[in-house]
Protein backbone atom coordinates (compact mmCIF):
# COMPACT_ATOMS: atom_id res chain seq x y z
CA MET A 1 -1.40 -11.12 -26.45
CA LEU A 2 -2.58 -11.88 -22.98
CA LEU A 3 0.51 -11.40 -21.40
CA ARG A 4 0.52 -7.63 -22.70
CA GLN A 5 -3.12 -6.75 -21.06
CA ILE A 6 -1.51 -8.28 -17.54
CA GLU A 7 1.40 -5.85 -17.97
CA GLN A 8 -0.92 -3.01 -19.15
CA PHE A 9 -3.04 -4.01 -16.24
CA LEU A 10 -0.78 -4.27 -13.73
CA ARG A 11 1.38 -0.77 -14.90
CA GLU A 12 -2.25 1.15 -14.55
CA THR A 13 -3.16 -0.64 -11.00
CA GLY A 14 0.29 -0.58 -9.74
CA MET A 15 -0.93 -4.27 -8.48
CA ALA A 16 1.65 -5.95 -7.78
CA TRP A 17 2.67 -9.34 -10.19
CA THR A 18 2.38 -11.55 -7.32
CA ARG A 19 -0.90 -10.51 -6.38
CA PHE A 20 -2.29 -10.68 -9.41
CA GLY A 21 -1.54 -14.28 -9.80
CA ARG A 22 -2.66 -15.36 -5.56
CA ILE A 23 -6.34 -13.47 -6.61
CA VAL A 24 -6.44 -14.63 -10.45
CA ALA A 25 -5.18 -18.62 -9.89
CA HIS A 26 -4.36 -18.96 -6.54
CA ASP A 27 -1.01 -18.91 -7.97
CA PRO A 28 1.48 -16.20 -7.00
CA ARG A 29 4.38 -17.18 -9.95
CA LEU A 30 1.66 -17.28 -12.91
CA VAL A 31 2.94 -14.01 -14.41
CA ALA A 32 6.57 -14.75 -14.14
CA ASP A 33 5.87 -17.97 -15.11
CA MET A 34 3.82 -16.57 -18.51
CA ARG A 35 6.74 -13.97 -18.38
CA ASN A 36 9.39 -17.35 -19.58
CA GLY A 37 6.76 -18.45 -21.99
CA ARG A 38 4.31 -20.56 -19.86
CA GLU A 39 0.68 -20.34 -21.60
CA PRO A 40 -2.20 -20.40 -19.64
CA ARG A 41 -5.10 -23.07 -20.09
CA PRO A 42 -8.09 -21.45 -21.55
CA ASP A 43 -10.46 -21.25 -18.79
CA LEU A 44 -7.49 -19.27 -16.77
CA ALA A 45 -7.29 -17.49 -19.52
CA ILE A 46 -10.93 -16.39 -19.20
CA ARG A 47 -10.84 -15.77 -16.08
CA ILE A 48 -8.11 -13.14 -16.24
CA GLN A 49 -9.81 -11.80 -19.00
CA HIS A 50 -12.53 -11.30 -16.44
CA PHE A 51 -10.69 -9.89 -13.65
CA ILE A 52 -8.89 -7.54 -15.23
CA LYS A 53 -12.42 -5.90 -17.24
CA THR A 54 -14.62 -5.99 -13.90
CA HIS A 55 -11.58 -4.78 -12.17
CA MET A 56 -10.80 -1.90 -14.65
CA GLU A 57 -14.91 -0.73 -14.57
CA ASN A 58 -15.13 -1.39 -10.91
CA PRO A 59 -11.82 -1.11 -9.27
CA HIS A 60 -12.85 -1.35 -5.85
CA ALA A 61 -14.68 -4.20 -6.10
CA LEU A 62 -11.38 -6.30 -4.27
């Protein structure tokens, strides 16, 4: 579910998956690892959802 939200966000914004990982978790491999089955800890999942929500509401906030 979370990975699906990330993939949709990346498609809609055109953001590179490595940039997303760097911004959200200081880990450019985050999305690739999730694509390979990694499950983020609950606190990271909350940060990811917060980032997506905030960025979609104000795309120029970066």
